[in-house]
Amino acid sequence: MLAHLGAILAAIRSAVETIFGIRFRTFAGMAVALSLVATPYAWSYDYVLLALPWALTLGRVQTIVGSRAMLVLLLQVLVASPLTWGLYMLAFSRGGETLSALVPASSAILLALAVRWDTRSGSP
């Protein structure tokens, strides 16, 4: 059973890297963030899953050159803290968390930006 699961995961990983041309961990980070955007029942407490795309984004900051690295770092801090808490408080006043989808959407865009600006060769 475990061997079958391992074979399936290896096949998925190679398919993702072949079709999309990005590393599997980057794909997984984008998939997690975008799945929270599309999920109709996602609430603010589900955003603990965003630790993966946030970690991947922060891991790429050291290979981004110049002021772009500072911009990505600043945007990551803004998305992970003030934006998240601000939309959480706004949800209580509005009675719904419809705007909270901005957090995972921003996280996905920020990860894509970090991948794009990464200076390592063959790094996606």
PDB file of N, CA and C in Angstrom:
ATOM      1  N   MET A   1       0.830  -1.189   0.000  1.00  0.00           N
ATOM      2  CA  MET A   1       0.000   0.000   0.000  1.00  0.00           C
ATOM      3  C   MET A   1       0.877   1.256   0.000  1.00  0.00           C
ATOM      4  N   LEU A   2       1.896   1.280   0.866  1.00  0.00           N
ATOM      5  CA  LEU A   2       2.787   2.430   0.938  1.00  0.00           C
ATOM      6  C   LEU A   2       3.598   2.593  -0.344  1.00  0.00           C
ATOM      7  N   ALA A   3       3.968   1.471  -0.949  1.00  0.00           N
ATOM      8  CA  ALA A   3       4.725   1.527  -2.199  1.00  0.00           C
ATOM      9  C   ALA A   3       3.876   2.128  -3.312  1.00  0.00           C
ATOM     10  N   HIS A   4       2.598   1.792  -3.318  1.00  0.00           N
ATOM     11  CA  HIS A   4       1.695   2.351  -4.325  1.00  0.00           C
ATOM     12  C   HIS A   4       1.544   3.858  -4.140  1.00  0.00           C
ATOM     13  N   LEU A   5       1.395   4.277  -2.894  1.00  0.00           N
ATOM     14  CA  LEU A   5       1.272   5.705  -2.606  1.00  0.00           C
ATOM     15  C   LEU A   5       2.526   6.465  -3.022  1.00  0.00           C
ATOM     16  N   GLY A   6       3.686   5.877  -2.725  1.00  0.00           N
ATOM     17  CA  GLY A   6       4.944   6.500  -3.130  1.00  0.00           C
ATOM     18  C   GLY A   6       5.077   6.605  -4.634  1.00  0.00           C
ATOM     19  N   ALA A   7       4.651   5.568  -5.355  1.00  0.00           N
ATOM     20  CA  ALA A   7       4.705   5.593  -6.818  1.00  0.00           C
ATOM     21  C   ALA A   7       3.762   6.649  -7.390  1.00  0.00           C
ATOM     22  N   ILE A   8       2.590   6.773  -6.792  1.00  0.00           N
ATOM     23  CA  ILE A   8       1.628   7.784  -7.250  1.00  0.00           C
ATOM     24  C   ILE A   8       2.175   9.188  -7.023  1.00  0.00           C
ATOM     25  N   LEU A   9       2.751   9.427  -5.835  1.00  0.00           N
ATOM     26  CA  LEU A   9       3.325  10.744  -5.548  1.00  0.00           C
ATOM     27  C   LEU A   9       4.496  11.073  -6.465  1.00  0.00           C
ATOM     28  N   ALA A  10       5.324  10.078  -6.764  1.00  0.00           N
ATOM     29  CA  ALA A  10       6.447  10.300  -7.684  1.00  0.00           C
ATOM     30  C   ALA A  10       5.948  10.632  -9.081  1.00  0.00           C
ATOM     31  N   ALA A  11       4.891   9.966  -9.515  1.00  0.00           N
ATOM     32  CA  ALA A  11       4.326  10.243 -10.835  1.00  0.00           C
ATOM     33  C   ALA A  11       3.730  11.646 -10.891  1.00  0.00           C
ATOM     34  N   ILE A  12       3.034  12.037  -9.825  1.00  0.00           N
ATOM     35  CA  ILE A  12       2.456  13.385  -9.777  1.00  0.00           C
ATOM     36  C   ILE A  12       3.560  14.433  -9.801  1.00  0.00           C
ATOM     37  N   ARG A  13       4.614  14.177  -9.025  1.00  0.00           N
ATOM     38  CA  ARG A  13       5.715  15.137  -8.963  1.00  0.00           C
ATOM     39  C   ARG A  13       6.378  15.312 -10.326  1.00  0.00           C
ATOM     40  N   SER A  14       6.661  14.213 -10.998  1.00  0.00           N
ATOM     41  CA  SER A  14       7.317  14.332 -12.303  1.00  0.00           C
ATOM     42  C   SER A  14       6.387  14.959 -13.340  1.00  0.00           C
ATOM     43  N   ALA A  15       5.085  14.678 -13.245  1.00  0.00           N
ATOM     44  CA  ALA A  15       4.136  15.290 -14.180  1.00  0.00           C
ATOM     45  C   ALA A  15       4.059  16.793 -13.977  1.00  0.00           C
ATOM     46  N   VAL A  16       4.031  17.225 -12.715  1.00  0.00           N
ATOM     47  CA  VAL A  16       3.979  18.659 -12.420  1.00  0.00           C
ATOM     48  C   VAL A  16       5.232  19.352 -12.934  1.00  0.00           C
ATOM     49  N   GLU A  17       6.383  18.762 -12.695  1.00  0.00           N
ATOM     50  CA  GLU A  17       7.635  19.380 -13.126  1.00  0.00           C
ATOM     51  C   GLU A  17       7.765  19.385 -14.650  1.00  0.00           C
ATOM     52  N   THR A  18       7.206  18.361 -15.305  1.00  0.00           N
ATOM     53  CA  THR A  18       7.280  18.304 -16.763  1.00  0.00           C
ATOM     54  C   THR A  18       6.282  19.260 -17.413  1.00  0.00           C
ATOM     55  N   ILE A  19       5.040  19.228 -16.943  1.00  0.00           N
ATOM     56  CA  ILE A  19       3.981  20.015 -17.575  1.00  0.00           C
ATOM     57  C   ILE A  19       4.124  21.502 -17.269  1.00  0.00           C
ATOM     58  N   PHE A  20       4.281  21.833 -15.982  1.00  0.00           N
ATOM     59  CA  PHE A  20       4.293  23.239 -15.580  1.00  0.00           C
ATOM     60  C   PHE A  20       5.684  23.850 -15.550  1.00  0.00           C
ATOM     61  N   GLY A  21       6.721  23.037 -15.536  1.00  0.00           N
ATOM     62  CA  GLY A  21       8.079  23.543 -15.518  1.00  0.00           C
ATOM     63  C   GLY A  21       8.478  24.197 -14.209  1.00  0.00           C
ATOM     64  N   ILE A  22       7.797  23.849 -13.112  1.00  0.00           N
ATOM     65  CA  ILE A  22       8.146  24.386 -11.798  1.00  0.00           C
ATOM     66  C   ILE A  22       8.372  23.233 -10.834  1.00  0.00           C
ATOM     67  N   ARG A  23       9.066  23.521  -9.769  1.00  0.00           N
ATOM     68  CA  ARG A  23       9.302  22.495  -8.758  1.00  0.00           C
ATOM     69  C   ARG A  23       7.997  22.142  -8.055  1.00  0.00           C
ATOM     70  N   PHE A  24       7.938  20.919  -7.570  1.00  0.00           N
ATOM     71  CA  PHE A  24       6.712  20.433  -6.948  1.00  0.00           C
ATOM     72  C   PHE A  24       6.346  21.236  -5.709  1.00  0.00           C
ATOM     73  N   ARG A  25       7.339  21.647  -4.917  1.00  0.00           N
ATOM     74  CA  ARG A  25       7.020  22.400  -3.704  1.00  0.00           C
ATOM     75  C   ARG A  25       6.420  23.766  -4.034  1.00  0.00           C
ATOM     76  N   THR A  26       6.869  24.383  -5.119  1.00  0.00           N
ATOM     77  CA  THR A  26       6.272  25.646  -5.543  1.00  0.00           C
ATOM     78  C   THR A  26       4.842  25.427  -6.000  1.00  0.00           C
ATOM     79  N   PHE A  27       4.620  24.358  -6.752  1.00  0.00           N
ATOM     80  CA  PHE A  27       3.269  24.014  -7.185  1.00  0.00           C
ATOM     81  C   PHE A  27       2.366  23.755  -5.984  1.00  0.00           C
ATOM     82  N   ALA A  28       2.877  23.030  -4.989  1.00  0.00           N
ATOM     83  CA  ALA A  28       2.083  22.727  -3.796  1.00  0.00           C
ATOM     84  C   ALA A  28       1.733  24.005  -3.037  1.00  0.00           C
ATOM     85  N   GLY A  29       2.674  24.919  -2.921  1.00  0.00           N
ATOM     86  CA  GLY A  29       2.402  26.189  -2.253  1.00  0.00           C
ATOM     87  C   GLY A  29       1.343  27.004  -2.961  1.00  0.00           C
ATOM     88  N   MET A  30       1.430  27.045  -4.283  1.00  0.00           N
ATOM     89  CA  MET A  30       0.414  27.765  -5.060  1.00  0.00           C
ATOM     90  C   MET A  30      -0.938  27.070  -4.953  1.00  0.00           C
ATOM     91  N   ALA A  31      -0.928  25.736  -4.973  1.00  0.00           N
ATOM     92  CA  ALA A  31      -2.180  24.980  -4.890  1.00  0.00           C
ATOM     93  C   ALA A  31      -2.871  25.202  -3.547  1.00  0.00           C
ATOM     94  N   VAL A  32      -2.098  25.231  -2.469  1.00  0.00           N
ATOM     95  CA  VAL A  32      -2.684  25.465  -1.152  1.00  0.00           C
ATOM     96  C   VAL A  32      -3.310  26.859  -1.087  1.00  0.00           C
ATOM     97  N   ALA A  33      -2.573  27.855  -1.524  1.00  0.00           N
ATOM     98  CA  ALA A  33      -3.092  29.222  -1.460  1.00  0.00           C
ATOM     99  C   ALA A  33      -4.331  29.393  -2.336  1.00  0.00           C
ATOM    100  N   LEU A  34      -4.279  28.886  -3.550  1.00  0.00           N
ATOM    101  CA  LEU A  34      -5.414  29.061  -4.455  1.00  0.00           C
ATOM    102  C   LEU A  34      -6.604  28.199  -4.068  1.00  0.00           C
ATOM    103  N   SER A  35      -6.359  27.084  -3.399  1.00  0.00           N
ATOM    104  CA  SER A  35      -7.494  26.268  -2.948  1.00  0.00           C
ATOM    105  C   SER A  35      -8.286  26.999  -1.870  1.00  0.00           C
ATOM    106  N   LEU A  36      -7.614  27.810  -1.062  1.00  0.00           N
ATOM    107  CA  LEU A  36      -8.325  28.592  -0.055  1.00  0.00           C
ATOM    108  C   LEU A  36      -9.104  29.751  -0.667  1.00  0.00           C
ATOM    109  N   VAL A  37      -8.677  30.210  -1.831  1.00  0.00           N
ATOM    110  CA  VAL A  37      -9.428  31.257  -2.518  1.00  0.00           C
ATOM    111  C   VAL A  37     -10.734  30.686  -3.061  1.00  0.00           C
ATOM    112  N   ALA A  38     -10.654  29.488  -3.607  1.00  0.00           N
ATOM    113  CA  ALA A  38     -11.813  28.887  -4.276  1.00  0.00           C
ATOM    114  C   ALA A  38     -12.755  28.148  -3.340  1.00  0.00           C
ATOM    115  N   THR A  39     -12.334  27.887  -2.115  1.00  0.00           N
ATOM    116  CA  THR A  39     -13.164  27.123  -1.192  1.00  0.00           C
ATOM    117  C   THR A  39     -14.281  28.002  -0.633  1.00  0.00           C
ATOM    118  N   PRO A  40     -15.529  27.595  -0.797  1.00  0.00           N
ATOM    119  CA  PRO A  40     -16.629  28.455  -0.342  1.00  0.00           C
ATOM    120  C   PRO A  40     -16.803  28.496   1.174  1.00  0.00           C
ATOM    121  N   TYR A  41     -16.214  27.565   1.896  1.00  0.00           N
ATOM    122  CA  TYR A  41     -16.407  27.525   3.341  1.00  0.00           C
ATOM    123  C   TYR A  41     -15.163  27.920   4.123  1.00  0.00           C
ATOM    124  N   ALA A  42     -14.147  28.443   3.471  1.00  0.00           N
ATOM    125  CA  ALA A  42     -12.903  28.801   4.156  1.00  0.00           C
ATOM    126  C   ALA A  42     -13.127  29.991   5.080  1.00  0.00           C
ATOM    127  N   TRP A  43     -12.595  29.881   6.275  1.00  0.00           N
ATOM    128  CA  TRP A  43     -12.670  30.949   7.258  1.00  0.00           C
ATOM    129  C   TRP A  43     -11.259  31.342   7.658  1.00  0.00           C
ATOM    130  N   SER A  44     -11.130  32.377   8.409  1.00  0.00           N
ATOM    131  CA  SER A  44      -9.811  32.890   8.778  1.00  0.00           C
ATOM    132  C   SER A  44      -8.953  31.860   9.498  1.00  0.00           C
ATOM    133  N   TYR A  45      -9.561  30.998  10.265  1.00  0.00           N
ATOM    134  CA  TYR A  45      -8.758  30.018  10.989  1.00  0.00           C
ATOM    135  C   TYR A  45      -8.206  28.938  10.065  1.00  0.00           C
ATOM    136  N   ASP A  46      -8.666  28.856   8.837  1.00  0.00           N
ATOM    137  CA  ASP A  46      -8.105  27.920   7.862  1.00  0.00           C
ATOM    138  C   ASP A  46      -6.785  28.418   7.295  1.00  0.00           C
ATOM    139  N   TYR A  47      -6.433  29.645   7.586  1.00  0.00           N
ATOM    140  CA  TYR A  47      -5.252  30.231   6.983  1.00  0.00           C
ATOM    141  C   TYR A  47      -3.946  29.757   7.596  1.00  0.00           C
ATOM    142  N   VAL A  48      -4.012  28.863   8.556  1.00  0.00           N
ATOM    143  CA  VAL A  48      -2.785  28.243   9.057  1.00  0.00           C
ATOM    144  C   VAL A  48      -2.118  27.450   7.926  1.00  0.00           C
ATOM    145  N   LEU A  49      -2.901  27.036   6.936  1.00  0.00           N
ATOM    146  CA  LEU A  49      -2.353  26.328   5.781  1.00  0.00           C
ATOM    147  C   LEU A  49      -1.455  27.230   4.933  1.00  0.00           C
ATOM    148  N   LEU A  50      -1.604  28.527   5.090  1.00  0.00           N
ATOM    149  CA  LEU A  50      -0.782  29.461   4.314  1.00  0.00           C
ATOM    150  C   LEU A  50       0.668  29.512   4.800  1.00  0.00           C
ATOM    151  N   ALA A  51       0.972  28.784   5.840  1.00  0.00           N
ATOM    152  CA  ALA A  51       2.359  28.716   6.302  1.00  0.00           C
ATOM    153  C   ALA A  51       3.268  28.169   5.201  1.00  0.00           C
ATOM    154  N   LEU A  52       2.764  27.244   4.395  1.00  0.00           N
ATOM    155  CA  LEU A  52       3.573  26.673   3.318  1.00  0.00           C
ATOM    156  C   LEU A  52       3.919  27.716   2.249  1.00  0.00           C
ATOM    157  N   PRO A  53       2.949  28.405   1.639  1.00  0.00           N
ATOM    158  CA  PRO A  53       3.355  29.411   0.648  1.00  0.00           C
ATOM    159  C   PRO A  53       4.150  30.565   1.249  1.00  0.00           C
ATOM    160  N   TRP A  54       3.850  30.930   2.496  1.00  0.00           N
ATOM    161  CA  TRP A  54       4.620  31.996   3.133  1.00  0.00           C
ATOM    162  C   TRP A  54       6.070  31.565   3.341  1.00  0.00           C
ATOM    163  N   ALA A  55       6.275  30.328   3.771  1.00  0.00           N
ATOM    164  CA  ALA A  55       7.643  29.828   3.968  1.00  0.00           C
ATOM    165  C   ALA A  55       8.392  29.743   2.646  1.00  0.00           C
ATOM    166  N   LEU A  56       7.721  29.300   1.607  1.00  0.00           N
ATOM    167  CA  LEU A  56       8.366  29.236   0.291  1.00  0.00           C
ATOM    168  C   LEU A  56       8.726  30.625  -0.228  1.00  0.00           C
ATOM    169  N   THR A  57       7.856  31.590   0.017  1.00  0.00           N
ATOM    170  CA  THR A  57       8.142  32.963  -0.393  1.00  0.00           C
ATOM    171  C   THR A  57       9.338  33.515   0.369  1.00  0.00           C
ATOM    172  N   LEU A  58       9.332  33.332   1.676  1.00  0.00           N
ATOM    173  CA  LEU A  58      10.446  33.838   2.488  1.00  0.00           C
ATOM    174  C   LEU A  58      11.753  33.116   2.161  1.00  0.00           C
ATOM    175  N   GLY A  59      11.667  31.860   1.769  1.00  0.00           N
ATOM    176  CA  GLY A  59      12.870  31.123   1.388  1.00  0.00           C
ATOM    177  C   GLY A  59      13.517  31.645   0.123  1.00  0.00           C
ATOM    178  N   ARG A  60      12.763  32.297  -0.700  1.00  0.00           N
ATOM    179  CA  ARG A  60      13.293  32.841  -1.955  1.00  0.00           C
ATOM    180  C   ARG A  60      13.803  34.271  -1.827  1.00  0.00           C
ATOM    181  N   VAL A  61      13.505  34.936  -0.732  1.00  0.00           N
ATOM    182  CA  VAL A  61      13.916  36.334  -0.562  1.00  0.00           C
ATOM    183  C   VAL A  61      15.432  36.480  -0.647  1.00  0.00           C
ATOM    184  N   GLN A  62      16.180  35.521  -0.113  1.00  0.00           N
ATOM    185  CA  GLN A  62      17.639  35.641  -0.100  1.00  0.00           C
ATOM    186  C   GLN A  62      18.263  35.564  -1.491  1.00  0.00           C
ATOM    187  N   THR A  63      17.522  35.061  -2.477  1.00  0.00           N
ATOM    188  CA  THR A  63      18.081  34.968  -3.828  1.00  0.00           C
ATOM    189  C   THR A  63      17.522  36.033  -4.771  1.00  0.00           C
ATOM    190  N   ILE A  64      16.718  36.930  -4.237  1.00  0.00           N
ATOM    191  CA  ILE A  64      16.188  38.032  -5.042  1.00  0.00           C
ATOM    192  C   ILE A  64      17.126  39.225  -4.877  1.00  0.00           C
ATOM    193  N   VAL A  65      17.457  39.866  -5.967  1.00  0.00           N
ATOM    194  CA  VAL A  65      18.476  40.916  -5.960  1.00  0.00           C
ATOM    195  C   VAL A  65      17.849  42.288  -5.727  1.00  0.00           C
ATOM    196  N   GLY A  66      18.560  43.092  -4.942  1.00  0.00           N
ATOM    197  CA  GLY A  66      18.239  44.510  -4.788  1.00  0.00           C
ATOM    198  C   GLY A  66      17.000  44.808  -3.979  1.00  0.00           C
ATOM    199  N   SER A  67      16.351  45.883  -4.389  1.00  0.00           N
ATOM    200  CA  SER A  67      15.186  46.363  -3.646  1.00  0.00           C
ATOM    201  C   SER A  67      13.976  45.447  -3.807  1.00  0.00           C
ATOM    202  N   ARG A  68      14.010  44.575  -4.792  1.00  0.00           N
ATOM    203  CA  ARG A  68      12.908  43.635  -4.963  1.00  0.00           C
ATOM    204  C   ARG A  68      12.798  42.694  -3.767  1.00  0.00           C
ATOM    205  N   ALA A  69      13.937  42.315  -3.204  1.00  0.00           N
ATOM    206  CA  ALA A  69      13.926  41.435  -2.028  1.00  0.00           C
ATOM    207  C   ALA A  69      13.253  42.124  -0.852  1.00  0.00           C
ATOM    208  N   MET A  70      13.571  43.390  -0.657  1.00  0.00           N
ATOM    209  CA  MET A  70      12.944  44.141   0.428  1.00  0.00           C
ATOM    210  C   MET A  70      11.449  44.306   0.189  1.00  0.00           C
ATOM    211  N   LEU A  71      11.071  44.518  -1.062  1.00  0.00           N
ATOM    212  CA  LEU A  71       9.659  44.655  -1.407  1.00  0.00           C
ATOM    213  C   LEU A  71       8.889  43.361  -1.121  1.00  0.00           C
ATOM    214  N   VAL A  72       9.448  42.231  -1.527  1.00  0.00           N
ATOM    215  CA  VAL A  72       8.789  40.939  -1.273  1.00  0.00           C
ATOM    216  C   VAL A  72       8.685  40.688   0.223  1.00  0.00           C
ATOM    217  N   LEU A  73       9.742  40.978   0.960  1.00  0.00           N
ATOM    218  CA  LEU A  73       9.725  40.784   2.405  1.00  0.00           C
ATOM    219  C   LEU A  73       8.685  41.675   3.076  1.00  0.00           C
ATOM    220  N   LEU A  74       8.643  42.924   2.683  1.00  0.00           N
ATOM    221  CA  LEU A  74       7.669  43.862   3.244  1.00  0.00           C
ATOM    222  C   LEU A  74       6.232  43.435   2.919  1.00  0.00           C
ATOM    223  N   LEU A  75       5.985  43.061   1.683  1.00  0.00           N
ATOM    224  CA  LEU A  75       4.646  42.614   1.299  1.00  0.00           C
ATOM    225  C   LEU A  75       4.251  41.335   2.030  1.00  0.00           C
ATOM    226  N   GLN A  76       5.214  40.444   2.232  1.00  0.00           N
ATOM    227  CA  GLN A  76       4.918  39.205   2.965  1.00  0.00           C
ATOM    228  C   GLN A  76       4.507  39.501   4.400  1.00  0.00           C
ATOM    229  N   VAL A  77       5.211  40.401   5.038  1.00  0.00           N
ATOM    230  CA  VAL A  77       4.863  40.776   6.413  1.00  0.00           C
ATOM    231  C   VAL A  77       3.494  41.451   6.446  1.00  0.00           C
ATOM    232  N   LEU A  78       3.219  42.316   5.482  1.00  0.00           N
ATOM    233  CA  LEU A  78       1.920  42.994   5.442  1.00  0.00           C
ATOM    234  C   LEU A  78       0.766  42.018   5.208  1.00  0.00           C
ATOM    235  N   VAL A  79       0.973  41.042   4.329  1.00  0.00           N
ATOM    236  CA  VAL A  79      -0.081  40.061   4.050  1.00  0.00           C
ATOM    237  C   VAL A  79      -0.286  39.145   5.242  1.00  0.00           C
ATOM    238  N   ALA A  80       0.800  38.720   5.868  1.00  0.00           N
ATOM    239  CA  ALA A  80       0.698  37.745   6.945  1.00  0.00           C
ATOM    240  C   ALA A  80       0.187  38.329   8.253  1.00  0.00           C
ATOM    241  N   SER A  81       0.315  39.608   8.443  1.00  0.00           N
ATOM    242  CA  SER A  81      -0.100  40.156   9.730  1.00  0.00           C
ATOM    243  C   SER A  81      -1.193  41.222   9.634  1.00  0.00           C
ATOM    244  N   PRO A  82      -0.894  42.457   9.227  1.00  0.00           N
ATOM    245  CA  PRO A  82      -1.950  43.470   9.270  1.00  0.00           C
ATOM    246  C   PRO A  82      -3.142  43.161   8.358  1.00  0.00           C
ATOM    247  N   LEU A  83      -2.890  42.664   7.148  1.00  0.00           N
ATOM    248  CA  LEU A  83      -3.995  42.373   6.248  1.00  0.00           C
ATOM    249  C   LEU A  83      -4.876  41.258   6.805  1.00  0.00           C
ATOM    250  N   THR A  84      -4.253  40.215   7.304  1.00  0.00           N
ATOM    251  CA  THR A  84      -5.009  39.081   7.851  1.00  0.00           C
ATOM    252  C   THR A  84      -5.865  39.510   9.032  1.00  0.00           C
ATOM    253  N   TRP A  85      -5.269  40.205   9.982  1.00  0.00           N
ATOM    254  CA  TRP A  85      -6.016  40.639  11.163  1.00  0.00           C
ATOM    255  C   TRP A  85      -7.046  41.711  10.826  1.00  0.00           C
ATOM    256  N   GLY A  86      -6.710  42.608   9.915  1.00  0.00           N
ATOM    257  CA  GLY A  86      -7.663  43.641   9.522  1.00  0.00           C
ATOM    258  C   GLY A  86      -8.908  43.065   8.868  1.00  0.00           C
ATOM    259  N   LEU A  87      -8.713  42.108   7.981  1.00  0.00           N
ATOM    260  CA  LEU A  87      -9.872  41.478   7.344  1.00  0.00           C
ATOM    261  C   LEU A  87     -10.655  40.613   8.326  1.00  0.00           C
ATOM    262  N   TYR A  88      -9.970  40.044   9.306  1.00  0.00           N
ATOM    263  CA  TYR A  88     -10.653  39.263  10.343  1.00  0.00           C
ATOM    264  C   TYR A  88     -11.568  40.168  11.169  1.00  0.00           C
ATOM    265  N   MET A  89     -11.069  41.347  11.554  1.00  0.00           N
ATOM    266  CA  MET A  89     -11.905  42.289  12.312  1.00  0.00           C
ATOM    267  C   MET A  89     -13.040  42.844  11.445  1.00  0.00           C
ATOM    268  N   LEU A  90     -12.759  43.078  10.184  1.00  0.00           N
ATOM    269  CA  LEU A  90     -13.792  43.558   9.279  1.00  0.00           C
ATOM    270  C   LEU A  90     -14.899  42.515   9.097  1.00  0.00           C
ATOM    271  N   ALA A  91     -14.529  41.252   9.132  1.00  0.00           N
ATOM    272  CA  ALA A  91     -15.524  40.188   8.976  1.00  0.00           C
ATOM    273  C   ALA A  91     -16.538  40.204  10.108  1.00  0.00           C
ATOM    274  N   PHE A  92     -16.098  40.525  11.318  1.00  0.00           N
ATOM    275  CA  PHE A  92     -17.036  40.599  12.438  1.00  0.00           C
ATOM    276  C   PHE A  92     -18.009  41.759  12.280  1.00  0.00           C
ATOM    277  N   SER A  93     -17.529  42.881  11.775  1.00  0.00           N
ATOM    278  CA  SER A  93     -18.420  44.028  11.612  1.00  0.00           C
ATOM    279  C   SER A  93     -19.392  43.828  10.441  1.00  0.00           C
ATOM    280  N   ARG A  94     -18.971  43.098   9.424  1.00  0.00           N
ATOM    281  CA  ARG A  94     -19.822  42.868   8.261  1.00  0.00           C
ATOM    282  C   ARG A  94     -20.699  41.630   8.419  1.00  0.00           C
ATOM    283  N   GLY A  95     -20.280  40.706   9.261  1.00  0.00           N
ATOM    284  CA  GLY A  95     -21.036  39.468   9.438  1.00  0.00           C
ATOM    285  C   GLY A  95     -20.720  38.406   8.393  1.00  0.00           C
ATOM    286  N   GLY A  96     -19.640  38.570   7.670  1.00  0.00           N
ATOM    287  CA  GLY A  96     -19.236  37.585   6.666  1.00  0.00           C
ATOM    288  C   GLY A  96     -17.779  37.748   6.304  1.00  0.00           C
ATOM    289  N   GLU A  97     -17.179  36.663   5.865  1.00  0.00           N
ATOM    290  CA  GLU A  97     -15.747  36.680   5.562  1.00  0.00           C
ATOM    291  C   GLU A  97     -15.468  36.666   4.059  1.00  0.00           C
ATOM    292  N   THR A  98     -16.289  37.304   3.286  1.00  0.00           N
ATOM    293  CA  THR A  98     -16.092  37.276   1.840  1.00  0.00           C
ATOM    294  C   THR A  98     -14.803  37.967   1.407  1.00  0.00           C
ATOM    295  N   LEU A  99     -14.421  39.015   2.083  1.00  0.00           N
ATOM    296  CA  LEU A  99     -13.188  39.729   1.714  1.00  0.00           C
ATOM    297  C   LEU A  99     -11.931  39.011   2.193  1.00  0.00           C
ATOM    298  N   SER A 100     -12.078  38.045   3.069  1.00  0.00           N
ATOM    299  CA  SER A 100     -10.917  37.326   3.583  1.00  0.00           C
ATOM    300  C   SER A 100     -10.221  36.499   2.515  1.00  0.00           C
ATOM    301  N   ALA A 101     -10.859  36.303   1.385  1.00  0.00           N
ATOM    302  CA  ALA A 101     -10.211  35.587   0.281  1.00  0.00           C
ATOM    303  C   ALA A 101      -9.040  36.376  -0.296  1.00  0.00           C
ATOM    304  N   LEU A 102      -8.934  37.645   0.072  1.00  0.00           N
ATOM    305  CA  LEU A 102      -7.804  38.453  -0.383  1.00  0.00           C
ATOM    306  C   LEU A 102      -6.481  37.959   0.193  1.00  0.00           C
ATOM    307  N   VAL A 103      -6.516  37.355   1.372  1.00  0.00           N
ATOM    308  CA  VAL A 103      -5.279  36.889   2.016  1.00  0.00           C
ATOM    309  C   VAL A 103      -4.645  35.742   1.229  1.00  0.00           C
ATOM    310  N   PRO A 104      -5.355  34.632   0.953  1.00  0.00           N
ATOM    311  CA  PRO A 104      -4.710  33.579   0.169  1.00  0.00           C
ATOM    312  C   PRO A 104      -4.423  34.003  -1.273  1.00  0.00           C
ATOM    313  N   ALA A 105      -5.258  34.856  -1.848  1.00  0.00           N
ATOM    314  CA  ALA A 105      -4.992  35.335  -3.203  1.00  0.00           C
ATOM    315  C   ALA A 105      -3.704  36.157  -3.229  1.00  0.00           C
ATOM    316  N   SER A 106      -3.540  37.025  -2.245  1.00  0.00           N
ATOM    317  CA  SER A 106      -2.311  37.825  -2.149  1.00  0.00           C
ATOM    318  C   SER A 106      -1.099  36.944  -1.902  1.00  0.00           C
ATOM    319  N   SER A 107      -1.280  35.901  -1.110  1.00  0.00           N
ATOM    320  CA  SER A 107      -0.179  34.975  -0.835  1.00  0.00           C
ATOM    321  C   SER A 107       0.255  34.239  -2.093  1.00  0.00           C
ATOM    322  N   ALA A 108      -0.705  33.825  -2.922  1.00  0.00           N
ATOM    323  CA  ALA A 108      -0.376  33.142  -4.175  1.00  0.00           C
ATOM    324  C   ALA A 108       0.336  34.084  -5.136  1.00  0.00           C
ATOM    325  N   ILE A 109      -0.146  35.311  -5.234  1.00  0.00           N
ATOM    326  CA  ILE A 109       0.485  36.293  -6.116  1.00  0.00           C
ATOM    327  C   ILE A 109       1.894  36.618  -5.648  1.00  0.00           C
ATOM    328  N   LEU A 110       2.068  36.719  -4.352  1.00  0.00           N
ATOM    329  CA  LEU A 110       3.389  37.029  -3.800  1.00  0.00           C
ATOM    330  C   LEU A 110       4.379  35.882  -4.027  1.00  0.00           C
ATOM    331  N   LEU A 111       3.911  34.641  -3.895  1.00  0.00           N
ATOM    332  CA  LEU A 111       4.777  33.494  -4.180  1.00  0.00           C
ATOM    333  C   LEU A 111       5.156  33.481  -5.655  1.00  0.00           C
ATOM    334  N   ALA A 112       4.210  33.750  -6.529  1.00  0.00           N
ATOM    335  CA  ALA A 112       4.509  33.794  -7.963  1.00  0.00           C
ATOM    336  C   ALA A 112       5.509  34.905  -8.279  1.00  0.00           C
ATOM    337  N   LEU A 113       5.372  36.035  -7.619  1.00  0.00           N
ATOM    338  CA  LEU A 113       6.300  37.141  -7.807  1.00  0.00           C
ATOM    339  C   LEU A 113       7.699  36.767  -7.325  1.00  0.00           C
ATOM    340  N   ALA A 114       7.778  36.105  -6.190  1.00  0.00           N
ATOM    341  CA  ALA A 114       9.075  35.680  -5.662  1.00  0.00           C
ATOM    342  C   ALA A 114       9.732  34.661  -6.579  1.00  0.00           C
ATOM    343  N   VAL A 115       8.952  33.762  -7.146  1.00  0.00           N
ATOM    344  CA  VAL A 115       9.494  32.777  -8.089  1.00  0.00           C
ATOM    345  C   VAL A 115      10.000  33.487  -9.343  1.00  0.00           C
ATOM    346  N   ARG A 116       9.244  34.462  -9.797  1.00  0.00           N
ATOM    347  CA  ARG A 116       9.630  35.196 -11.006  1.00  0.00           C
ATOM    348  C   ARG A 116      10.918  35.989 -10.806  1.00  0.00           C
ATOM    349  N   TRP A 117      11.076  36.598  -9.647  1.00  0.00           N
ATOM    350  CA  TRP A 117      12.240  37.428  -9.378  1.00  0.00           C
ATOM    351  C   TRP A 117      13.438  36.645  -8.829  1.00  0.00           C
ATOM    352  N   ASP A 118      13.288  35.372  -8.585  1.00  0.00           N
ATOM    353  CA  ASP A 118      14.379  34.553  -8.055  1.00  0.00           C
ATOM    354  C   ASP A 118      15.523  34.514  -9.084  1.00  0.00           C
ATOM    355  N   THR A 119      16.744  34.760  -8.627  1.00  0.00           N
ATOM    356  CA  THR A 119      17.875  34.856  -9.546  1.00  0.00           C
ATOM    357  C   THR A 119      18.625  33.546  -9.739  1.00  0.00           C
ATOM    358  N   ARG A 120      18.283  32.526  -8.967  1.00  0.00           N
ATOM    359  CA  ARG A 120      18.940  31.236  -9.175  1.00  0.00           C
ATOM    360  C   ARG A 120      18.543  30.665 -10.516  1.00  0.00           C
ATOM    361  N   SER A 121      19.478  30.079 -11.217  1.00  0.00           N
ATOM    362  CA  SER A 121      19.141  29.498 -12.518  1.00  0.00           C
ATOM    363  C   SER A 121      18.362  28.212 -12.327  1.00  0.00           C
ATOM    364  N   GLY A 122      17.299  28.074 -13.079  1.00  0.00           N
ATOM    365  CA  GLY A 122      16.471  26.880 -12.993  1.00  0.00           C
ATOM    366  C   GLY A 122      15.741  26.734 -11.682  1.00  0.00           C
ATOM    367  N   SER A 123      15.347  27.850 -11.069  1.00  0.00           N
ATOM    368  CA  SER A 123      14.785  27.807  -9.726  1.00  0.00           C
ATOM    369  C   SER A 123      13.278  27.665  -9.597  1.00  0.00           C
ATOM    370  N   PRO A 124      12.487  27.798 -10.650  1.00  0.00           N
ATOM    371  CA  PRO A 124      11.049  27.736 -10.430  1.00  0.00           C
ATOM    372  C   PRO A 124      10.666  26.458  -9.792  1.00  0.00           C
TER     373      PRO A 124
END
